[in-house]
Amino acid sequence: MKKIPATLIFSMLMFVSLAQKAPDAILGTWVTSEGNCKIEVYKQSDEFKAKIVWLKQDKNGVSDYMDVKNPDPALRSRKLLGMDVVQGLHYDQDENEYVDGVIYDARNGKKWNSVAWLTDDSLLKVKGYWVFKFLSQTSTFKRG
């Protein structure tokens, strides 16, 4: 019987290990490219979510923003800080991206379908779109 070289076995184990960890690479704290907001991406069951963990103060020193543009009047007094703004993302291994999410845009009180992915230069891209992905807006985040 032929023996399999130890380096081949080690390489295969490392590959399997890295492949299994890939979905969780999105976890952690991310800062918008403008530097005015930090989100924390976390996992709950098999769903990835993101919540606001920091907001930059405005020129009057206010950083305790409320959800004033929410279409539901009962929710307009809730704080943005700590609020989930992305929900429902699931990792698609074939596409190497996070799909089937919903993103809430507090600037206008609207919810959009969303997908997210990590770039080769370690940036997080989150695309919010309406029906078709070409009707979209993409936000960029860096680790922070």
N, C-alpha and C. Protein backbone atom coordinates (compact mmCIF):
# COMPACT_ATOMS: atom_id res chain seq x y z
N MET A 1 0.84 -1.17 0.00
CA MET A 1 0.00 0.00 0.00
C MET A 1 0.90 1.24 0.00
N LYS A 2 0.53 2.23 -0.83
CA LYS A 2 1.32 3.46 -0.90
C LYS A 2 0.92 4.37 0.25
N LYS A 3 1.91 5.10 0.74
CA LYS A 3 1.65 6.05 1.81
C LYS A 3 1.45 7.44 1.21
N ILE A 4 0.52 8.18 1.78
CA ILE A 4 0.28 9.55 1.34
C ILE A 4 1.23 10.45 2.12
N PRO A 5 1.97 11.30 1.40
CA PRO A 5 2.91 12.19 2.09
C PRO A 5 2.20 13.08 3.11
N ALA A 6 2.86 13.30 4.23
CA ALA A 6 2.29 14.11 5.31
C ALA A 6 1.98 15.52 4.84
N THR A 7 2.81 16.08 3.97
CA THR A 7 2.56 17.45 3.50
C THR A 7 1.27 17.52 2.69
N LEU A 8 0.96 16.49 1.93
CA LEU A 8 -0.28 16.46 1.16
C LEU A 8 -1.48 16.42 2.10
N ILE A 9 -1.41 15.59 3.12
CA ILE A 9 -2.50 15.51 4.09
C ILE A 9 -2.67 16.84 4.81
N PHE A 10 -1.56 17.44 5.24
CA PHE A 10 -1.62 18.73 5.92
C PHE A 10 -2.23 19.79 5.01
N SER A 11 -1.82 19.82 3.75
CA SER A 11 -2.35 20.80 2.79
C SER A 11 -3.85 20.62 2.60
N MET A 12 -4.28 19.39 2.50
CA MET A 12 -5.71 19.13 2.33
C MET A 12 -6.50 19.57 3.56
N LEU A 13 -5.98 19.29 4.74
CA LEU A 13 -6.66 19.70 5.97
C LEU A 13 -6.74 21.22 6.07
N MET A 14 -5.66 21.90 5.71
CA MET A 14 -5.66 23.37 5.75
C MET A 14 -6.68 23.93 4.76
N PHE A 15 -6.76 23.36 3.58
CA PHE A 15 -7.71 23.81 2.57
C PHE A 15 -9.14 23.65 3.09
N VAL A 16 -9.45 22.50 3.64
CA VAL A 16 -10.79 22.25 4.18
C VAL A 16 -11.07 23.22 5.32
N SER A 17 -10.10 23.45 6.19
CA SER A 17 -10.26 24.36 7.31
C SER A 17 -10.54 25.78 6.83
N LEU A 18 -9.77 26.25 5.86
CA LEU A 18 -9.97 27.60 5.33
C LEU A 18 -11.32 27.72 4.64
N ALA A 19 -11.71 26.71 3.90
CA ALA A 19 -12.99 26.74 3.19
C ALA A 19 -14.15 26.84 4.18
N GLN A 20 -14.03 26.15 5.32
CA GLN A 20 -15.09 26.19 6.30
C GLN A 20 -15.14 27.53 7.03
N LYS A 21 -14.04 28.24 7.13
CA LYS A 21 -14.02 29.51 7.84
C LYS A 21 -14.41 30.68 6.95
N ALA A 22 -14.40 30.52 5.64
CA ALA A 22 -14.66 31.61 4.71
C ALA A 22 -15.96 32.36 4.99
N PRO A 23 -17.07 31.70 5.26
CA PRO A 23 -18.31 32.45 5.50
C PRO A 23 -18.21 33.42 6.66
N ASP A 24 -17.47 33.08 7.69
CA ASP A 24 -17.37 33.94 8.87
C ASP A 24 -16.37 35.09 8.70
N ALA A 25 -15.73 35.19 7.57
CA ALA A 25 -14.76 36.27 7.34
C ALA A 25 -15.42 37.65 7.38
N ILE A 26 -16.71 37.70 7.20
CA ILE A 26 -17.44 38.97 7.19
C ILE A 26 -17.68 39.50 8.61
N LEU A 27 -17.55 38.65 9.61
CA LEU A 27 -17.85 39.04 10.99
C LEU A 27 -16.89 40.10 11.49
N GLY A 28 -17.41 41.01 12.33
CA GLY A 28 -16.57 42.03 12.94
C GLY A 28 -17.10 43.43 12.72
N THR A 29 -16.26 44.41 13.04
CA THR A 29 -16.63 45.82 12.96
C THR A 29 -16.11 46.42 11.66
N TRP A 30 -16.96 47.19 11.01
CA TRP A 30 -16.66 47.81 9.72
C TRP A 30 -17.02 49.28 9.76
N VAL A 31 -16.24 50.11 9.09
CA VAL A 31 -16.44 51.56 9.04
C VAL A 31 -16.79 51.96 7.61
N THR A 32 -17.75 52.86 7.45
CA THR A 32 -18.09 53.34 6.11
C THR A 32 -16.89 54.06 5.50
N SER A 33 -16.86 54.14 4.19
CA SER A 33 -15.75 54.83 3.52
C SER A 33 -15.73 56.31 3.88
N GLU A 34 -16.88 56.88 4.26
CA GLU A 34 -16.94 58.28 4.70
C GLU A 34 -16.47 58.45 6.14
N GLY A 35 -16.40 57.36 6.89
CA GLY A 35 -15.96 57.41 8.28
C GLY A 35 -17.01 57.93 9.24
N ASN A 36 -18.28 57.93 8.84
CA ASN A 36 -19.31 58.50 9.70
C ASN A 36 -20.18 57.47 10.43
N CYS A 37 -19.90 56.19 10.21
CA CYS A 37 -20.72 55.15 10.81
C CYS A 37 -19.91 53.86 10.93
N LYS A 38 -20.10 53.15 12.04
CA LYS A 38 -19.52 51.82 12.20
C LYS A 38 -20.65 50.83 12.39
N ILE A 39 -20.49 49.68 11.74
CA ILE A 39 -21.45 48.60 11.91
C ILE A 39 -20.72 47.37 12.43
N GLU A 40 -21.45 46.54 13.12
CA GLU A 40 -20.91 45.25 13.55
C GLU A 40 -21.69 44.16 12.84
N VAL A 41 -20.99 43.34 12.08
CA VAL A 41 -21.61 42.20 11.42
C VAL A 41 -21.50 41.02 12.38
N TYR A 42 -22.62 40.39 12.65
CA TYR A 42 -22.64 39.25 13.55
C TYR A 42 -23.52 38.15 12.96
N LYS A 43 -23.40 36.98 13.53
CA LYS A 43 -24.13 35.82 13.02
C LYS A 43 -25.13 35.37 14.08
N GLN A 44 -26.34 35.13 13.64
CA GLN A 44 -27.38 34.60 14.52
C GLN A 44 -27.98 33.39 13.80
N SER A 45 -27.76 32.22 14.34
CA SER A 45 -28.07 30.95 13.67
C SER A 45 -27.28 30.90 12.37
N ASP A 46 -27.95 30.76 11.23
CA ASP A 46 -27.24 30.73 9.95
C ASP A 46 -27.40 32.04 9.18
N GLU A 47 -27.85 33.08 9.87
CA GLU A 47 -28.13 34.38 9.26
C GLU A 47 -27.09 35.41 9.71
N PHE A 48 -26.61 36.19 8.75
CA PHE A 48 -25.70 37.28 9.05
C PHE A 48 -26.50 38.58 9.13
N LYS A 49 -26.20 39.37 10.17
CA LYS A 49 -26.88 40.64 10.40
C LYS A 49 -25.83 41.72 10.66
N ALA A 50 -26.25 42.97 10.55
CA ALA A 50 -25.36 44.08 10.88
C ALA A 50 -26.15 45.12 11.66
N LYS A 51 -25.52 45.62 12.73
CA LYS A 51 -26.15 46.67 13.53
C LYS A 51 -25.21 47.86 13.63
N ILE A 52 -25.79 49.02 13.82
CA ILE A 52 -25.01 50.25 13.97
C ILE A 52 -24.43 50.28 15.38
N VAL A 53 -23.11 50.47 15.49
CA VAL A 53 -22.47 50.52 16.80
C VAL A 53 -21.83 51.88 17.09
N TRP A 54 -21.74 52.75 16.09
CA TRP A 54 -21.18 54.08 16.31
C TRP A 54 -21.63 55.01 15.19
N LEU A 55 -21.96 56.25 15.55
CA LEU A 55 -22.31 57.28 14.58
C LEU A 55 -21.52 58.55 14.89
N LYS A 56 -21.00 59.18 13.87
CA LYS A 56 -20.23 60.41 14.04
C LYS A 56 -21.16 61.54 14.48
N GLN A 57 -20.65 62.38 15.36
CA GLN A 57 -21.41 63.54 15.81
C GLN A 57 -21.58 64.53 14.66
N ASP A 58 -22.74 65.19 14.61
CA ASP A 58 -22.92 66.24 13.62
C ASP A 58 -22.27 67.52 14.12
N LYS A 59 -22.41 68.61 13.38
CA LYS A 59 -21.74 69.87 13.75
C LYS A 59 -22.23 70.44 15.07
N ASN A 60 -23.40 69.98 15.54
CA ASN A 60 -23.93 70.43 16.83
C ASN A 60 -23.61 69.47 17.97
N GLY A 61 -22.81 68.45 17.68
CA GLY A 61 -22.42 67.50 18.71
C GLY A 61 -23.42 66.37 18.93
N VAL A 62 -24.41 66.26 18.05
CA VAL A 62 -25.44 65.22 18.20
C VAL A 62 -24.98 63.94 17.50
N SER A 63 -25.05 62.83 18.22
CA SER A 63 -24.77 61.53 17.61
C SER A 63 -25.84 60.51 17.98
N ASP A 64 -26.84 60.95 18.71
CA ASP A 64 -27.91 60.08 19.18
C ASP A 64 -29.11 60.21 18.23
N TYR A 65 -28.91 59.80 17.00
CA TYR A 65 -29.91 59.98 15.96
C TYR A 65 -31.10 59.04 16.15
N MET A 66 -32.26 59.52 15.72
CA MET A 66 -33.49 58.74 15.78
C MET A 66 -33.89 58.33 14.36
N ASP A 67 -34.75 57.35 14.28
CA ASP A 67 -35.23 56.80 13.00
C ASP A 67 -36.40 57.64 12.47
N VAL A 68 -36.17 58.93 12.27
CA VAL A 68 -37.25 59.88 11.96
C VAL A 68 -37.88 59.69 10.58
N LYS A 69 -37.23 59.01 9.68
CA LYS A 69 -37.77 58.80 8.32
C LYS A 69 -38.53 57.47 8.19
N ASN A 70 -38.67 56.75 9.29
CA ASN A 70 -39.35 55.46 9.24
C ASN A 70 -40.81 55.67 8.81
N PRO A 71 -41.32 54.85 7.88
CA PRO A 71 -42.71 55.00 7.45
C PRO A 71 -43.72 54.68 8.56
N ASP A 72 -43.30 53.95 9.58
CA ASP A 72 -44.17 53.64 10.71
C ASP A 72 -43.96 54.70 11.79
N PRO A 73 -44.94 55.58 12.00
CA PRO A 73 -44.79 56.65 13.00
C PRO A 73 -44.40 56.14 14.39
N ALA A 74 -44.82 54.94 14.76
CA ALA A 74 -44.50 54.39 16.07
C ALA A 74 -43.01 54.10 16.23
N LEU A 75 -42.28 53.95 15.12
CA LEU A 75 -40.85 53.63 15.17
C LEU A 75 -39.94 54.85 14.99
N ARG A 76 -40.51 56.01 14.77
CA ARG A 76 -39.70 57.20 14.49
C ARG A 76 -38.92 57.70 15.70
N SER A 77 -39.26 57.24 16.88
CA SER A 77 -38.53 57.69 18.08
C SER A 77 -37.46 56.68 18.51
N ARG A 78 -37.28 55.60 17.78
CA ARG A 78 -36.25 54.63 18.16
C ARG A 78 -34.87 55.14 17.72
N LYS A 79 -33.88 54.78 18.50
CA LYS A 79 -32.51 55.20 18.22
C LYS A 79 -31.90 54.34 17.12
N LEU A 80 -31.09 54.98 16.29
CA LEU A 80 -30.38 54.24 15.24
C LEU A 80 -29.24 53.42 15.83
N LEU A 81 -28.61 53.94 16.86
CA LEU A 81 -27.51 53.24 17.50
C LEU A 81 -28.01 51.92 18.10
N GLY A 82 -27.41 50.83 17.69
CA GLY A 82 -27.82 49.51 18.15
C GLY A 82 -28.86 48.83 17.28
N MET A 83 -29.37 49.55 16.30
CA MET A 83 -30.41 49.00 15.44
C MET A 83 -29.82 48.12 14.34
N ASP A 84 -30.47 46.98 14.08
CA ASP A 84 -30.09 46.14 12.95
C ASP A 84 -30.46 46.86 11.67
N VAL A 85 -29.48 47.02 10.77
CA VAL A 85 -29.74 47.66 9.49
C VAL A 85 -29.61 46.68 8.33
N VAL A 86 -29.02 45.52 8.58
CA VAL A 86 -28.96 44.45 7.58
C VAL A 86 -29.41 43.17 8.27
N GLN A 87 -30.28 42.44 7.59
CA GLN A 87 -30.78 41.17 8.13
C GLN A 87 -30.91 40.16 6.99
N GLY A 88 -30.91 38.90 7.35
CA GLY A 88 -31.25 37.85 6.42
C GLY A 88 -30.18 37.41 5.45
N LEU A 89 -28.95 37.88 5.60
CA LEU A 89 -27.90 37.46 4.68
C LEU A 89 -27.51 36.01 4.94
N HIS A 90 -27.32 35.26 3.88
CA HIS A 90 -26.88 33.87 3.95
C HIS A 90 -25.72 33.71 2.98
N TYR A 91 -24.72 32.96 3.39
CA TYR A 91 -23.53 32.78 2.55
C TYR A 91 -23.82 31.79 1.42
N ASP A 92 -23.53 32.21 0.20
CA ASP A 92 -23.64 31.36 -0.98
C ASP A 92 -22.23 30.96 -1.39
N GLN A 93 -21.88 29.72 -1.10
CA GLN A 93 -20.51 29.25 -1.35
C GLN A 93 -20.17 29.28 -2.83
N ASP A 94 -21.12 28.97 -3.70
CA ASP A 94 -20.85 28.96 -5.14
C ASP A 94 -20.52 30.35 -5.67
N GLU A 95 -21.22 31.35 -5.16
CA GLU A 95 -20.99 32.73 -5.60
C GLU A 95 -19.96 33.46 -4.75
N ASN A 96 -19.60 32.87 -3.61
CA ASN A 96 -18.69 33.49 -2.65
C ASN A 96 -19.18 34.88 -2.24
N GLU A 97 -20.48 34.96 -1.96
CA GLU A 97 -21.07 36.21 -1.49
C GLU A 97 -22.23 35.90 -0.57
N TYR A 98 -22.71 36.93 0.09
CA TYR A 98 -23.80 36.82 1.05
C TYR A 98 -25.06 37.33 0.35
N VAL A 99 -26.10 36.52 0.32
CA VAL A 99 -27.27 36.81 -0.51
C VAL A 99 -28.56 36.81 0.31
N ASP A 100 -29.62 37.25 -0.34
CA ASP A 100 -30.99 37.19 0.21
C ASP A 100 -31.20 38.07 1.43
N GLY A 101 -30.42 39.13 1.56
CA GLY A 101 -30.56 40.01 2.70
C GLY A 101 -31.51 41.17 2.44
N VAL A 102 -31.78 41.90 3.49
CA VAL A 102 -32.57 43.12 3.43
C VAL A 102 -31.78 44.18 4.18
N ILE A 103 -31.64 45.35 3.56
CA ILE A 103 -30.94 46.46 4.20
C ILE A 103 -31.93 47.59 4.42
N TYR A 104 -31.84 48.23 5.58
CA TYR A 104 -32.70 49.36 5.91
C TYR A 104 -31.88 50.63 5.77
N ASP A 105 -32.39 51.58 5.00
CA ASP A 105 -31.73 52.87 4.80
C ASP A 105 -32.46 53.91 5.64
N ALA A 106 -31.87 54.27 6.76
CA ALA A 106 -32.51 55.21 7.68
C ALA A 106 -32.59 56.62 7.11
N ARG A 107 -31.80 56.91 6.07
CA ARG A 107 -31.85 58.24 5.46
C ARG A 107 -33.20 58.50 4.80
N ASN A 108 -33.86 57.44 4.33
CA ASN A 108 -35.16 57.63 3.68
C ASN A 108 -36.24 56.67 4.20
N GLY A 109 -35.88 55.82 5.15
CA GLY A 109 -36.86 54.91 5.75
C GLY A 109 -37.27 53.75 4.86
N LYS A 110 -36.44 53.42 3.89
CA LYS A 110 -36.80 52.35 2.95
C LYS A 110 -35.96 51.10 3.17
N LYS A 111 -36.55 49.97 2.82
CA LYS A 111 -35.84 48.68 2.87
C LYS A 111 -35.58 48.24 1.44
N TRP A 112 -34.39 47.64 1.25
CA TRP A 112 -33.97 47.18 -0.06
C TRP A 112 -33.47 45.74 0.05
N ASN A 113 -33.56 44.99 -1.03
CA ASN A 113 -32.89 43.70 -1.10
C ASN A 113 -31.40 43.97 -1.03
N SER A 114 -30.63 43.01 -0.55
CA SER A 114 -29.19 43.26 -0.46
C SER A 114 -28.37 41.99 -0.65
N VAL A 115 -27.16 42.23 -1.13
CA VAL A 115 -26.11 41.22 -1.21
C VAL A 115 -24.85 41.87 -0.68
N ALA A 116 -23.91 41.07 -0.24
CA ALA A 116 -22.65 41.59 0.28
C ALA A 116 -21.52 40.65 -0.13
N TRP A 117 -20.32 41.20 -0.23
CA TRP A 117 -19.16 40.38 -0.56
C TRP A 117 -17.90 41.07 -0.06
N LEU A 118 -16.86 40.28 0.11
CA LEU A 118 -15.55 40.79 0.50
C LEU A 118 -14.67 40.86 -0.74
N THR A 119 -13.95 41.96 -0.89
CA THR A 119 -13.07 42.12 -2.04
C THR A 119 -11.70 41.54 -1.73
N ASP A 120 -10.88 41.42 -2.75
CA ASP A 120 -9.53 40.89 -2.57
C ASP A 120 -8.68 41.79 -1.68
N ASP A 121 -9.01 43.10 -1.63
CA ASP A 121 -8.25 44.01 -0.78
C ASP A 121 -8.94 44.23 0.57
N SER A 122 -9.70 43.23 1.03
CA SER A 122 -10.30 43.18 2.37
C SER A 122 -11.31 44.28 2.66
N LEU A 123 -12.05 44.70 1.65
CA LEU A 123 -13.14 45.64 1.85
C LEU A 123 -14.45 44.87 1.83
N LEU A 124 -15.44 45.40 2.54
CA LEU A 124 -16.78 44.84 2.52
C LEU A 124 -17.63 45.71 1.61
N LYS A 125 -18.28 45.10 0.66
CA LYS A 125 -19.19 45.81 -0.25
C LYS A 125 -20.60 45.31 0.06
N VAL A 126 -21.53 46.25 0.24
CA VAL A 126 -22.92 45.91 0.48
C VAL A 126 -23.75 46.63 -0.57
N LYS A 127 -24.48 45.86 -1.35
CA LYS A 127 -25.30 46.43 -2.42
C LYS A 127 -26.76 46.32 -2.02
N GLY A 128 -27.44 47.47 -2.02
CA GLY A 128 -28.88 47.50 -1.83
C GLY A 128 -29.51 47.70 -3.19
N TYR A 129 -30.54 46.91 -3.49
CA TYR A 129 -31.14 47.03 -4.82
C TYR A 129 -32.65 46.83 -4.74
N TRP A 130 -33.30 47.38 -5.76
CA TRP A 130 -34.74 47.27 -5.87
C TRP A 130 -35.05 46.38 -7.06
N VAL A 131 -35.58 45.22 -6.84
CA VAL A 131 -35.96 44.21 -7.83
C VAL A 131 -34.76 43.69 -8.61
N PHE A 132 -34.10 44.55 -9.39
CA PHE A 132 -32.98 44.15 -10.22
C PHE A 132 -31.68 44.72 -9.66
N LYS A 133 -30.61 43.95 -9.74
CA LYS A 133 -29.34 44.39 -9.16
C LYS A 133 -28.74 45.59 -9.88
N PHE A 134 -29.17 45.86 -11.12
CA PHE A 134 -28.62 47.03 -11.80
C PHE A 134 -29.29 48.32 -11.32
N LEU A 135 -30.39 48.22 -10.59
CA LEU A 135 -31.01 49.37 -9.93
C LEU A 135 -30.55 49.35 -8.48
N SER A 136 -29.32 49.78 -8.26
CA SER A 136 -28.71 49.55 -6.95
C SER A 136 -27.80 50.69 -6.52
N GLN A 137 -27.42 50.59 -5.26
CA GLN A 137 -26.38 51.46 -4.70
C GLN A 137 -25.50 50.58 -3.83
N THR A 138 -24.19 50.76 -3.97
CA THR A 138 -23.24 49.94 -3.22
C THR A 138 -22.49 50.80 -2.22
N SER A 139 -22.41 50.34 -0.99
CA SER A 139 -21.63 51.00 0.05
C SER A 139 -20.37 50.19 0.32
N THR A 140 -19.29 50.90 0.63
CA THR A 140 -18.01 50.25 0.89
C THR A 140 -17.61 50.48 2.34
N PHE A 141 -17.11 49.42 2.98
CA PHE A 141 -16.68 49.47 4.37
C PHE A 141 -15.27 48.90 4.47
N LYS A 142 -14.51 49.43 5.42
CA LYS A 142 -13.20 48.86 5.73
C LYS A 142 -13.22 48.40 7.19
N ARG A 143 -12.32 47.50 7.54
CA ARG A 143 -12.27 47.00 8.92
C ARG A 143 -12.04 48.16 9.86
N GLY A 144 -12.70 48.10 10.98
CA GLY A 144 -12.49 49.19 11.91
C GLY A 144 -12.93 48.85 13.26
